[in-house]
Amino acid sequence: MSQAETNSVHIKPSSPLVSESGAAKSRWMEYVELTKPKLSTMSIITALLGYFAARTPQDIAVFLSLVAGTTLTAAGSAILNQWWERDEDNQMMRTRNRPLPRGAIGMPTALWMGLIFSTGGVAVLCLGTHPVVGLLALATMLIYITLYTPLKKVTPLATEIGALPGAIPPLMGWMAAEGSVSALGWIIFGVLFTWQMPHFMAISWIYREDYRKGGFRVLALEKGGAKKISWSALLYTLLLIVITVLPIFLALTGWIYAIGSTLVSALMGWRAWQFFRARDKNKPARNLFTASIVHLPLLFVILAIDRWIF
C-alpha cells in the first residue's frame, strides 16, 4: 500500500480513530454546554469589572483566584439549575435540546458536577481572595438555586429575586480588590440589578408560550400581562437610567463616562418606550432585548476607560 493510500485510510470518516475522536469532542461539548458558558462568562466579566473598577494595585494571585473561583461557582450554579429544572426544560422548545433533557449526560453526573464545582469555587474564593468574597458567591448560589429556581413556578416576583444573584458578582470583584465595597461598587450592583429586568421582560414576552408550557409564572402570562410587562419594563428602565447617571452627579466618574453613559441610556430608554407604546409587542420586544445586550457591555467598557483615565 502506498503512502498516499495509507494517509487516505486515516482520514476516512468511518475510521474508528476519527469516530472516537469526534465522539470525545462531542462529549466534551456536552459538558461545556451544561455549564451555560454565555451566562457563566457574564458572571466572570461583571466580577472583573468590579475588580478593575476599584483601581487598586493588582495582585496576580488574587486576580487568578477570582477568575477561577467565579468560573467554578457560576458553572456549578448553572448545572444545578438545569438539574433541578430538567423536566421543565424538556417541555420548552428553546431548552429541550440541552444535555439533560436529551439524556446526553446522566442526572447523577450532573448533580455531582454541580456540587463539586460550586463548593470548589467557594473554597478558591475564600482562600485566594477574601472570605467575604466566598460568602457572597455562596449567597449568590443559594439565592439562585433554592429561592429563584423553585419560585419561578410560584410567582412572577421570582424575576426580581433572580436579579439579585446576577448583580452580586461586581461586589465580589470589588471586595477581592479592596477588602470592602465603595459607593461606586454599590452603584454597579444597582445597574446590574435593574438592567436585568427590562432584559428579561423582553425575553419573557418573546418566549411567553414556552414559559407557559414549562409551567413558569412570568408577568407576560398574567391577566393583563401585556400592559403589566410594558409598565414594568419602562419603569425599571427609567430606574436603570437614574442609577447609571448617578456617578456623574456624585463626581465619581469623568467626562468620558458622562457622555458615553448618557448615549447608551438614551438608546435603552427609547427601546423601552417603543415596547411600552406598541400594540404588537413582538418586534419591539426583540429590539429591547438587542438594546439591552448592547447597553451593558458598552457601559462597562466606558466605565473601565473612564476609571483608568480619571
C-alpha atoms as a PDB file:
ATOM      1  CA  MET A   1       0.000   0.000   0.000  1.00  0.00           C
ATOM      2  CA  SER A   2       1.395   3.393  -0.980  1.00  0.00           C
ATOM      3  CA  GLN A   3       1.930   6.241   1.494  1.00  0.00           C
ATOM      4  CA  ALA A   4      -0.908   8.171  -0.173  1.00  0.00           C
ATOM      5  CA  GLU A   5      -3.254   5.217   0.303  1.00  0.00           C
ATOM      6  CA  THR A   6      -2.172   4.873   3.935  1.00  0.00           C
ATOM      7  CA  ASN A   7      -2.915   8.555   4.572  1.00  0.00           C
ATOM      8  CA  SER A   8      -6.309   8.230   2.885  1.00  0.00           C
ATOM      9  CA  VAL A   9      -7.257   5.435   5.281  1.00  0.00           C
ATOM     10  CA  HIS A  10      -6.565   7.616   8.307  1.00  0.00           C
ATOM     11  CA  ILE A  11      -8.758  10.440   7.129  1.00  0.00           C
ATOM     12  CA  LYS A  12     -11.811   8.375   6.222  1.00  0.00           C
ATOM     13  CA  PRO A  13     -14.843   9.478   8.236  1.00  0.00           C
ATOM     14  CA  SER A  14     -15.562   5.824   9.014  1.00  0.00           C
ATOM     15  CA  SER A  15     -12.135   5.328  10.618  1.00  0.00           C
ATOM     16  CA  PRO A  16     -12.538   4.161  14.261  1.00  0.00           C
ATOM     17  CA  LEU A  17      -9.836   6.605  15.359  1.00  0.00           C
ATOM     18  CA  VAL A  18     -11.616   9.573  13.751  1.00  0.00           C
ATOM     19  CA  SER A  19     -15.019   8.422  15.039  1.00  0.00           C
ATOM     20  CA  GLU A  20     -13.729   8.046  18.598  1.00  0.00           C
ATOM     21  CA  SER A  21     -12.066  11.462  18.413  1.00  0.00           C
ATOM     22  CA  GLY A  22     -15.268  13.056  17.142  1.00  0.00           C
ATOM     23  CA  ALA A  23     -17.309  11.336  19.843  1.00  0.00           C
ATOM     24  CA  ALA A  24     -14.906  12.525  22.541  1.00  0.00           C
ATOM     25  CA  LYS A  25     -15.104  16.075  21.220  1.00  0.00           C
ATOM     26  CA  SER A  26     -18.878  15.892  21.109  1.00  0.00           C
ATOM     27  CA  ARG A  27     -18.969  14.555  24.669  1.00  0.00           C
ATOM     28  CA  TRP A  28     -16.712  17.362  25.834  1.00  0.00           C
ATOM     29  CA  MET A  29     -19.007  19.944  24.242  1.00  0.00           C
ATOM     30  CA  GLU A  30     -21.979  18.442  26.080  1.00  0.00           C
ATOM     31  CA  TYR A  31     -20.258  19.141  29.395  1.00  0.00           C
ATOM     32  CA  VAL A  32     -19.345  22.666  28.285  1.00  0.00           C
ATOM     33  CA  GLU A  33     -22.950  23.330  27.274  1.00  0.00           C
ATOM     34  CA  LEU A  34     -24.114  22.109  30.688  1.00  0.00           C
ATOM     35  CA  THR A  35     -22.244  24.998  32.331  1.00  0.00           C
ATOM     36  CA  LYS A  36     -24.227  27.612  30.319  1.00  0.00           C
ATOM     37  CA  PRO A  37     -20.985  29.232  29.100  1.00  0.00           C
ATOM     38  CA  LYS A  38     -22.579  32.507  27.959  1.00  0.00           C
ATOM     39  CA  LEU A  39     -24.279  33.101  31.297  1.00  0.00           C
ATOM     40  CA  SER A  40     -21.203  31.986  33.245  1.00  0.00           C
ATOM     41  CA  THR A  41     -18.976  34.290  31.193  1.00  0.00           C
ATOM     42  CA  MET A  42     -21.283  37.174  32.097  1.00  0.00           C
ATOM     43  CA  SER A  43     -20.683  36.492  35.804  1.00  0.00           C
ATOM     44  CA  ILE A  44     -16.919  36.414  35.264  1.00  0.00           C
ATOM     45  CA  ILE A  45     -16.909  39.660  33.279  1.00  0.00           C
ATOM     46  CA  THR A  46     -19.004  41.538  35.841  1.00  0.00           C
ATOM     47  CA  ALA A  47     -16.847  40.265  38.696  1.00  0.00           C
ATOM     48  CA  LEU A  48     -13.759  41.512  36.866  1.00  0.00           C
ATOM     49  CA  LEU A  49     -15.495  44.823  36.232  1.00  0.00           C
ATOM     50  CA  GLY A  50     -15.795  45.316  39.972  1.00  0.00           C
ATOM     51  CA  TYR A  51     -12.199  44.204  40.457  1.00  0.00           C
ATOM     52  CA  PHE A  52     -10.657  46.603  37.937  1.00  0.00           C
ATOM     53  CA  ALA A  53     -13.027  49.489  38.664  1.00  0.00           C
ATOM     54  CA  ALA A  54     -11.691  49.514  42.213  1.00  0.00           C
ATOM     55  CA  ARG A  55      -8.388  50.862  40.810  1.00  0.00           C
ATOM     56  CA  THR A  56      -6.198  49.300  43.478  1.00  0.00           C
ATOM     57  CA  PRO A  57      -2.742  47.808  42.790  1.00  0.00           C
ATOM     58  CA  GLN A  58      -3.421  44.494  41.087  1.00  0.00           C
ATOM     59  CA  ASP A  59      -2.375  41.187  42.663  1.00  0.00           C
ATOM     60  CA  ILE A  60      -1.980  38.412  40.097  1.00  0.00           C
ATOM     61  CA  ALA A  61      -2.705  35.660  42.635  1.00  0.00           C
ATOM     62  CA  VAL A  62      -5.935  37.350  43.747  1.00  0.00           C
ATOM     63  CA  PHE A  63      -6.886  38.013  40.134  1.00  0.00           C
ATOM     64  CA  LEU A  64      -6.414  34.377  39.100  1.00  0.00           C
ATOM     65  CA  SER A  65      -8.271  33.147  42.181  1.00  0.00           C
ATOM     66  CA  LEU A  66     -11.163  35.491  41.406  1.00  0.00           C
ATOM     67  CA  VAL A  67     -11.371  34.240  37.815  1.00  0.00           C
ATOM     68  CA  ALA A  68     -11.083  30.566  38.773  1.00  0.00           C
ATOM     69  CA  GLY A  69     -13.466  30.766  41.720  1.00  0.00           C
ATOM     70  CA  THR A  70     -16.103  32.777  39.865  1.00  0.00           C
ATOM     71  CA  THR A  71     -15.874  30.426  36.880  1.00  0.00           C
ATOM     72  CA  LEU A  72     -16.422  27.361  39.067  1.00  0.00           C
ATOM     73  CA  THR A  73     -19.294  28.809  41.100  1.00  0.00           C
ATOM     74  CA  ALA A  74     -21.056  30.192  38.009  1.00  0.00           C
ATOM     75  CA  ALA A  75     -20.712  26.858  36.200  1.00  0.00           C
ATOM     76  CA  GLY A  76     -21.819  24.921  39.278  1.00  0.00           C
ATOM     77  CA  SER A  77     -24.907  27.091  39.731  1.00  0.00           C
ATOM     78  CA  ALA A  78     -25.844  26.665  36.060  1.00  0.00           C
ATOM     79  CA  ILE A  79     -25.507  22.893  36.281  1.00  0.00           C
ATOM     80  CA  LEU A  80     -27.577  22.643  39.472  1.00  0.00           C
ATOM     81  CA  ASN A  81     -30.244  24.892  37.968  1.00  0.00           C
ATOM     82  CA  GLN A  82     -30.565  22.633  34.948  1.00  0.00           C
ATOM     83  CA  TRP A  83     -30.562  19.532  37.152  1.00  0.00           C
ATOM     84  CA  TRP A  84     -33.476  21.000  39.122  1.00  0.00           C
ATOM     85  CA  GLU A  85     -35.432  22.117  36.042  1.00  0.00           C
ATOM     86  CA  ARG A  86     -34.743  19.127  33.814  1.00  0.00           C
ATOM     87  CA  ASP A  87     -38.431  18.239  33.425  1.00  0.00           C
ATOM     88  CA  GLU A  88     -39.466  21.825  32.697  1.00  0.00           C
ATOM     89  CA  ASP A  89     -36.640  22.210  30.173  1.00  0.00           C
ATOM     90  CA  ASN A  90     -37.934  19.149  28.372  1.00  0.00           C
ATOM     91  CA  GLN A  91     -41.303  20.887  27.848  1.00  0.00           C
ATOM     92  CA  MET A  92     -39.940  24.065  26.282  1.00  0.00           C
ATOM     93  CA  MET A  93     -38.838  24.386  22.673  1.00  0.00           C
ATOM     94  CA  ARG A  94     -35.822  26.586  23.406  1.00  0.00           C
ATOM     95  CA  THR A  95     -34.440  24.313  26.164  1.00  0.00           C
ATOM     96  CA  ARG A  96     -35.399  20.769  25.209  1.00  0.00           C
ATOM     97  CA  ASN A  97     -32.100  20.266  23.361  1.00  0.00           C
ATOM     98  CA  ARG A  98     -29.998  20.914  26.446  1.00  0.00           C
ATOM     99  CA  PRO A  99     -27.823  17.940  27.531  1.00  0.00           C
ATOM    100  CA  LEU A 100     -30.036  16.776  30.423  1.00  0.00           C
ATOM    101  CA  PRO A 101     -33.409  16.711  28.630  1.00  0.00           C
ATOM    102  CA  ARG A 102     -31.758  14.876  25.733  1.00  0.00           C
ATOM    103  CA  GLY A 103     -30.210  12.347  28.092  1.00  0.00           C
ATOM    104  CA  ALA A 104     -26.697  13.140  26.842  1.00  0.00           C
ATOM    105  CA  ILE A 105     -25.475  13.453  30.439  1.00  0.00           C
ATOM    106  CA  GLY A 106     -26.849  11.460  33.361  1.00  0.00           C
ATOM    107  CA  MET A 107     -28.629  13.153  36.257  1.00  0.00           C
ATOM    108  CA  PRO A 108     -26.259  11.828  38.971  1.00  0.00           C
ATOM    109  CA  THR A 109     -23.267  13.035  36.963  1.00  0.00           C
ATOM    110  CA  ALA A 110     -24.774  16.492  36.596  1.00  0.00           C
ATOM    111  CA  LEU A 111     -25.633  16.693  40.300  1.00  0.00           C
ATOM    112  CA  TRP A 112     -22.125  15.742  41.385  1.00  0.00           C
ATOM    113  CA  MET A 113     -20.555  18.104  38.866  1.00  0.00           C
ATOM    114  CA  GLY A 114     -22.696  20.965  40.120  1.00  0.00           C
ATOM    115  CA  LEU A 115     -21.892  20.297  43.776  1.00  0.00           C
ATOM    116  CA  ILE A 116     -18.148  19.837  43.200  1.00  0.00           C
ATOM    117  CA  PHE A 117     -17.821  22.938  41.013  1.00  0.00           C
ATOM    118  CA  SER A 118     -19.838  25.056  43.442  1.00  0.00           C
ATOM    119  CA  THR A 119     -18.050  24.044  46.630  1.00  0.00           C
ATOM    120  CA  GLY A 120     -14.679  24.149  44.898  1.00  0.00           C
ATOM    121  CA  GLY A 121     -15.343  27.663  43.623  1.00  0.00           C
ATOM    122  CA  VAL A 122     -16.345  28.941  47.055  1.00  0.00           C
ATOM    123  CA  ALA A 123     -13.200  27.407  48.560  1.00  0.00           C
ATOM    124  CA  VAL A 124     -10.961  29.019  45.931  1.00  0.00           C
ATOM    125  CA  LEU A 125     -12.553  32.438  46.529  1.00  0.00           C
ATOM    126  CA  CYS A 126     -12.305  32.175  50.315  1.00  0.00           C
ATOM    127  CA  LEU A 127      -8.673  31.089  50.288  1.00  0.00           C
ATOM    128  CA  GLY A 128      -7.413  33.040  47.290  1.00  0.00           C
ATOM    129  CA  THR A 129      -9.201  36.379  47.575  1.00  0.00           C
ATOM    130  CA  HIS A 130     -11.166  37.292  50.720  1.00  0.00           C
ATOM    131  CA  PRO A 131     -13.520  35.193  52.900  1.00  0.00           C
ATOM    132  CA  VAL A 132     -16.376  37.638  52.253  1.00  0.00           C
ATOM    133  CA  VAL A 133     -15.989  37.061  48.511  1.00  0.00           C
ATOM    134  CA  GLY A 134     -16.566  33.358  49.091  1.00  0.00           C
ATOM    135  CA  LEU A 135     -19.605  34.115  51.249  1.00  0.00           C
ATOM    136  CA  LEU A 136     -21.012  36.380  48.530  1.00  0.00           C
ATOM    137  CA  ALA A 137     -20.543  33.592  45.989  1.00  0.00           C
ATOM    138  CA  LEU A 138     -22.271  31.156  48.331  1.00  0.00           C
ATOM    139  CA  ALA A 139     -25.158  33.597  48.824  1.00  0.00           C
ATOM    140  CA  THR A 140     -25.413  34.009  45.051  1.00  0.00           C
ATOM    141  CA  MET A 141     -25.740  30.268  44.526  1.00  0.00           C
ATOM    142  CA  LEU A 142     -28.215  29.750  47.375  1.00  0.00           C
ATOM    143  CA  ILE A 143     -30.494  32.541  46.156  1.00  0.00           C
ATOM    144  CA  TYR A 144     -30.307  31.282  42.592  1.00  0.00           C
ATOM    145  CA  ILE A 145     -30.858  27.590  43.331  1.00  0.00           C
ATOM    146  CA  THR A 146     -33.022  27.453  46.470  1.00  0.00           C
ATOM    147  CA  LEU A 147     -35.129  30.619  46.016  1.00  0.00           C
ATOM    148  CA  TYR A 148     -35.239  31.782  42.402  1.00  0.00           C
ATOM    149  CA  THR A 149     -35.423  28.354  40.745  1.00  0.00           C
ATOM    150  CA  PRO A 150     -38.445  26.972  42.679  1.00  0.00           C
ATOM    151  CA  LEU A 151     -40.227  30.337  42.910  1.00  0.00           C
ATOM    152  CA  LYS A 152     -40.295  30.676  39.118  1.00  0.00           C
ATOM    153  CA  LYS A 153     -43.304  28.340  39.193  1.00  0.00           C
ATOM    154  CA  VAL A 154     -44.981  30.211  42.045  1.00  0.00           C
ATOM    155  CA  THR A 155     -44.821  33.974  41.415  1.00  0.00           C
ATOM    156  CA  PRO A 156     -43.655  36.484  38.781  1.00  0.00           C
ATOM    157  CA  LEU A 157     -41.730  38.203  41.605  1.00  0.00           C
ATOM    158  CA  ALA A 158     -39.162  35.453  41.160  1.00  0.00           C
ATOM    159  CA  THR A 159     -37.730  37.674  38.415  1.00  0.00           C
ATOM    160  CA  GLU A 160     -36.699  40.295  40.975  1.00  0.00           C
ATOM    161  CA  ILE A 161     -35.297  37.597  43.270  1.00  0.00           C
ATOM    162  CA  GLY A 162     -33.347  36.100  40.379  1.00  0.00           C
ATOM    163  CA  ALA A 163     -31.855  39.503  39.567  1.00  0.00           C
ATOM    164  CA  LEU A 164     -30.061  39.559  42.931  1.00  0.00           C
ATOM    165  CA  PRO A 165     -27.534  36.777  42.191  1.00  0.00           C
ATOM    166  CA  GLY A 166     -26.983  38.314  38.777  1.00  0.00           C
ATOM    167  CA  ALA A 167     -25.967  41.601  40.392  1.00  0.00           C
ATOM    168  CA  ILE A 168     -23.660  40.278  43.121  1.00  0.00           C
ATOM    169  CA  PRO A 169     -20.501  39.397  41.065  1.00  0.00           C
ATOM    170  CA  PRO A 170     -19.275  43.053  40.813  1.00  0.00           C
ATOM    171  CA  LEU A 171     -19.391  43.238  44.616  1.00  0.00           C
ATOM    172  CA  MET A 172     -17.258  40.097  44.714  1.00  0.00           C
ATOM    173  CA  GLY A 173     -14.704  41.679  42.398  1.00  0.00           C
ATOM    174  CA  TRP A 174     -14.598  44.934  44.335  1.00  0.00           C
ATOM    175  CA  MET A 175     -14.273  43.111  47.653  1.00  0.00           C
ATOM    176  CA  ALA A 176     -11.465  40.980  46.241  1.00  0.00           C
ATOM    177  CA  ALA A 177      -9.594  44.121  45.180  1.00  0.00           C
ATOM    178  CA  GLU A 178     -10.119  46.365  48.212  1.00  0.00           C
ATOM    179  CA  GLY A 179     -11.497  44.267  51.056  1.00  0.00           C
ATOM    180  CA  SER A 180     -14.608  46.496  51.095  1.00  0.00           C
ATOM    181  CA  VAL A 181     -17.127  47.964  48.647  1.00  0.00           C
ATOM    182  CA  SER A 182     -17.306  51.702  47.914  1.00  0.00           C
ATOM    183  CA  ALA A 183     -20.285  53.734  46.707  1.00  0.00           C
ATOM    184  CA  LEU A 184     -19.438  53.127  43.038  1.00  0.00           C
ATOM    185  CA  GLY A 185     -19.363  49.389  43.651  1.00  0.00           C
ATOM    186  CA  TRP A 186     -22.899  49.504  45.018  1.00  0.00           C
ATOM    187  CA  ILE A 187     -23.984  51.631  42.059  1.00  0.00           C
ATOM    188  CA  ILE A 188     -22.671  48.963  39.683  1.00  0.00           C
ATOM    189  CA  PHE A 189     -24.692  46.429  41.685  1.00  0.00           C
ATOM    190  CA  GLY A 190     -27.775  48.626  41.179  1.00  0.00           C
ATOM    191  CA  VAL A 191     -27.110  48.945  37.461  1.00  0.00           C
ATOM    192  CA  LEU A 192     -26.877  45.188  37.030  1.00  0.00           C
ATOM    193  CA  PHE A 193     -29.969  44.523  39.125  1.00  0.00           C
ATOM    194  CA  THR A 194     -32.201  46.972  37.241  1.00  0.00           C
ATOM    195  CA  TRP A 195     -30.737  46.108  33.814  1.00  0.00           C
ATOM    196  CA  GLN A 196     -31.832  42.505  34.181  1.00  0.00           C
ATOM    197  CA  MET A 197     -35.474  43.491  34.496  1.00  0.00           C
ATOM    198  CA  PRO A 198     -36.197  45.009  31.030  1.00  0.00           C
ATOM    199  CA  HIS A 199     -33.773  42.451  29.587  1.00  0.00           C
ATOM    200  CA  PHE A 200     -35.818  39.581  30.996  1.00  0.00           C
ATOM    201  CA  MET A 201     -39.154  41.279  30.286  1.00  0.00           C
ATOM    202  CA  ALA A 202     -38.230  41.266  26.608  1.00  0.00           C
ATOM    203  CA  ILE A 203     -37.158  37.611  26.737  1.00  0.00           C
ATOM    204  CA  SER A 204     -40.264  36.513  28.626  1.00  0.00           C
ATOM    205  CA  TRP A 205     -42.529  38.213  26.085  1.00  0.00           C
ATOM    206  CA  ILE A 206     -40.720  36.645  23.120  1.00  0.00           C
ATOM    207  CA  TYR A 207     -40.824  33.161  24.690  1.00  0.00           C
ATOM    208  CA  ARG A 208     -44.055  33.500  26.681  1.00  0.00           C
ATOM    209  CA  GLU A 209     -45.601  30.364  25.154  1.00  0.00           C
ATOM    210  CA  ASP A 210     -42.512  28.376  26.081  1.00  0.00           C
ATOM    211  CA  TYR A 211     -42.781  29.608  29.658  1.00  0.00           C
ATOM    212  CA  ARG A 212     -46.449  28.610  29.667  1.00  0.00           C
ATOM    213  CA  LYS A 213     -45.538  25.073  28.573  1.00  0.00           C
ATOM    214  CA  GLY A 214     -42.884  24.884  31.267  1.00  0.00           C
ATOM    215  CA  GLY A 215     -45.331  25.969  33.947  1.00  0.00           C
ATOM    216  CA  PHE A 216     -43.424  29.134  34.856  1.00  0.00           C
ATOM    217  CA  ARG A 217     -45.095  32.223  36.280  1.00  0.00           C
ATOM    218  CA  VAL A 218     -43.927  35.260  34.350  1.00  0.00           C
ATOM    219  CA  LEU A 219     -45.563  38.668  34.136  1.00  0.00           C
ATOM    220  CA  ALA A 220     -46.310  38.237  30.435  1.00  0.00           C
ATOM    221  CA  LEU A 221     -48.669  35.346  31.257  1.00  0.00           C
ATOM    222  CA  GLU A 222     -50.599  37.137  33.997  1.00  0.00           C
ATOM    223  CA  LYS A 223     -54.020  38.660  33.389  1.00  0.00           C
ATOM    224  CA  GLY A 224     -53.376  41.913  31.539  1.00  0.00           C
ATOM    225  CA  GLY A 225     -49.824  40.673  31.000  1.00  0.00           C
ATOM    226  CA  ALA A 226     -49.049  42.908  28.009  1.00  0.00           C
ATOM    227  CA  LYS A 227     -49.883  46.049  29.978  1.00  0.00           C
ATOM    228  CA  LYS A 228     -48.131  44.886  33.134  1.00  0.00           C
ATOM    229  CA  ILE A 229     -44.940  43.859  31.376  1.00  0.00           C
ATOM    230  CA  SER A 230     -44.884  47.134  29.418  1.00  0.00           C
ATOM    231  CA  TRP A 231     -45.102  49.210  32.586  1.00  0.00           C
ATOM    232  CA  SER A 232     -42.550  47.054  34.381  1.00  0.00           C
ATOM    233  CA  ALA A 233     -40.021  47.248  31.541  1.00  0.00           C
ATOM    234  CA  LEU A 234     -40.432  51.016  31.241  1.00  0.00           C
ATOM    235  CA  LEU A 235     -40.221  51.783  34.970  1.00  0.00           C
ATOM    236  CA  TYR A 236     -37.201  49.567  35.523  1.00  0.00           C
ATOM    237  CA  THR A 237     -35.504  51.120  32.503  1.00  0.00           C
ATOM    238  CA  LEU A 238     -36.096  54.598  33.936  1.00  0.00           C
ATOM    239  CA  LEU A 239     -34.661  53.438  37.262  1.00  0.00           C
ATOM    240  CA  LEU A 240     -31.709  51.930  35.379  1.00  0.00           C
ATOM    241  CA  ILE A 241     -31.045  55.281  33.695  1.00  0.00           C
ATOM    242  CA  VAL A 242     -31.169  57.138  37.029  1.00  0.00           C
ATOM    243  CA  ILE A 243     -28.711  54.724  38.644  1.00  0.00           C
ATOM    244  CA  THR A 244     -26.486  54.746  35.539  1.00  0.00           C
ATOM    245  CA  VAL A 245     -26.030  58.541  35.587  1.00  0.00           C
ATOM    246  CA  LEU A 246     -25.750  58.753  39.390  1.00  0.00           C
ATOM    247  CA  PRO A 247     -21.905  58.535  39.394  1.00  0.00           C
ATOM    248  CA  ILE A 248     -21.819  61.699  37.263  1.00  0.00           C
ATOM    249  CA  PHE A 249     -23.654  63.752  39.880  1.00  0.00           C
ATOM    250  CA  LEU A 250     -21.637  62.209  42.718  1.00  0.00           C
ATOM    251  CA  ALA A 251     -18.397  63.145  40.917  1.00  0.00           C
ATOM    252  CA  LEU A 252     -17.275  59.507  40.893  1.00  0.00           C
ATOM    253  CA  THR A 253     -16.535  59.469  37.164  1.00  0.00           C
ATOM    254  CA  GLY A 254     -15.263  61.819  34.462  1.00  0.00           C
ATOM    255  CA  TRP A 255     -16.484  63.237  31.172  1.00  0.00           C
ATOM    256  CA  ILE A 256     -15.971  60.026  29.173  1.00  0.00           C
ATOM    257  CA  TYR A 257     -18.479  58.209  31.356  1.00  0.00           C
ATOM    258  CA  ALA A 258     -20.794  61.226  31.377  1.00  0.00           C
ATOM    259  CA  ILE A 259     -21.066  61.289  27.580  1.00  0.00           C
ATOM    260  CA  GLY A 260     -20.984  57.541  26.992  1.00  0.00           C
ATOM    261  CA  SER A 261     -23.475  56.557  29.697  1.00  0.00           C
ATOM    262  CA  THR A 262     -25.910  59.229  28.516  1.00  0.00           C
ATOM    263  CA  LEU A 263     -25.839  57.884  24.954  1.00  0.00           C
ATOM    264  CA  VAL A 264     -26.292  54.209  25.860  1.00  0.00           C
ATOM    265  CA  SER A 265     -29.021  55.120  28.361  1.00  0.00           C
ATOM    266  CA  ALA A 266     -30.862  57.079  25.678  1.00  0.00           C
ATOM    267  CA  LEU A 267     -30.857  54.018  23.398  1.00  0.00           C
ATOM    268  CA  MET A 268     -32.178  51.783  26.168  1.00  0.00           C
ATOM    269  CA  GLY A 269     -34.841  54.307  27.141  1.00  0.00           C
ATOM    270  CA  TRP A 270     -36.010  54.725  23.540  1.00  0.00           C
ATOM    271  CA  ARG A 271     -36.422  50.974  23.021  1.00  0.00           C
ATOM    272  CA  ALA A 272     -38.274  50.592  26.330  1.00  0.00           C
ATOM    273  CA  TRP A 273     -40.619  53.418  25.336  1.00  0.00           C
ATOM    274  CA  GLN A 274     -41.294  51.768  21.967  1.00  0.00           C
ATOM    275  CA  PHE A 275     -42.059  48.496  23.719  1.00  0.00           C
ATOM    276  CA  PHE A 276     -44.387  50.309  26.107  1.00  0.00           C
ATOM    277  CA  ARG A 277     -46.288  52.113  23.347  1.00  0.00           C
ATOM    278  CA  ALA A 278     -46.613  49.247  20.847  1.00  0.00           C
ATOM    279  CA  ARG A 279     -49.798  47.239  20.443  1.00  0.00           C
ATOM    280  CA  ASP A 280     -47.977  44.424  18.677  1.00  0.00           C
ATOM    281  CA  LYS A 281     -45.039  43.937  21.028  1.00  0.00           C
ATOM    282  CA  ASN A 282     -43.192  41.138  19.257  1.00  0.00           C
ATOM    283  CA  LYS A 283     -40.759  43.246  17.222  1.00  0.00           C
ATOM    284  CA  PRO A 284     -40.336  45.941  19.937  1.00  0.00           C
ATOM    285  CA  ALA A 285     -39.561  43.153  22.421  1.00  0.00           C
ATOM    286  CA  ARG A 286     -36.743  41.907  20.196  1.00  0.00           C
ATOM    287  CA  ASN A 287     -35.481  45.470  19.754  1.00  0.00           C
ATOM    288  CA  LEU A 288     -35.495  45.976  23.528  1.00  0.00           C
ATOM    289  CA  PHE A 289     -33.638  42.692  24.009  1.00  0.00           C
ATOM    290  CA  THR A 290     -30.997  43.731  21.458  1.00  0.00           C
ATOM    291  CA  ALA A 291     -30.646  47.160  23.062  1.00  0.00           C
ATOM    292  CA  SER A 292     -30.101  45.558  26.468  1.00  0.00           C
ATOM    293  CA  ILE A 293     -27.408  43.274  25.040  1.00  0.00           C
ATOM    294  CA  VAL A 294     -25.643  46.303  23.549  1.00  0.00           C
ATOM    295  CA  HIS A 295     -26.183  48.542  26.580  1.00  0.00           C
ATOM    296  CA  LEU A 296     -24.377  46.592  29.287  1.00  0.00           C
ATOM    297  CA  PRO A 297     -21.052  45.749  27.569  1.00  0.00           C
ATOM    298  CA  LEU A 298     -20.764  49.287  26.200  1.00  0.00           C
ATOM    299  CA  LEU A 299     -21.471  50.788  29.607  1.00  0.00           C
ATOM    300  CA  PHE A 300     -18.838  48.554  31.201  1.00  0.00           C
ATOM    301  CA  VAL A 301     -16.227  49.445  28.609  1.00  0.00           C
ATOM    302  CA  ILE A 302     -16.986  53.158  29.021  1.00  0.00           C
ATOM    303  CA  LEU A 303     -16.749  52.895  32.807  1.00  0.00           C
ATOM    304  CA  ALA A 304     -13.472  50.968  32.668  1.00  0.00           C
ATOM    305  CA  ILE A 305     -11.879  53.500  30.303  1.00  0.00           C
ATOM    306  CA  ASP A 306     -13.129  56.401  32.376  1.00  0.00           C
ATOM    307  CA  ARG A 307     -11.892  54.918  35.660  1.00  0.00           C
ATOM    308  CA  TRP A 308      -8.397  54.224  34.351  1.00  0.00           C
ATOM    309  CA  ILE A 309      -8.064  57.685  32.793  1.00  0.00           C
ATOM    310  CA  PHE A 310      -9.572  59.670  35.622  1.00  0.00           C
END
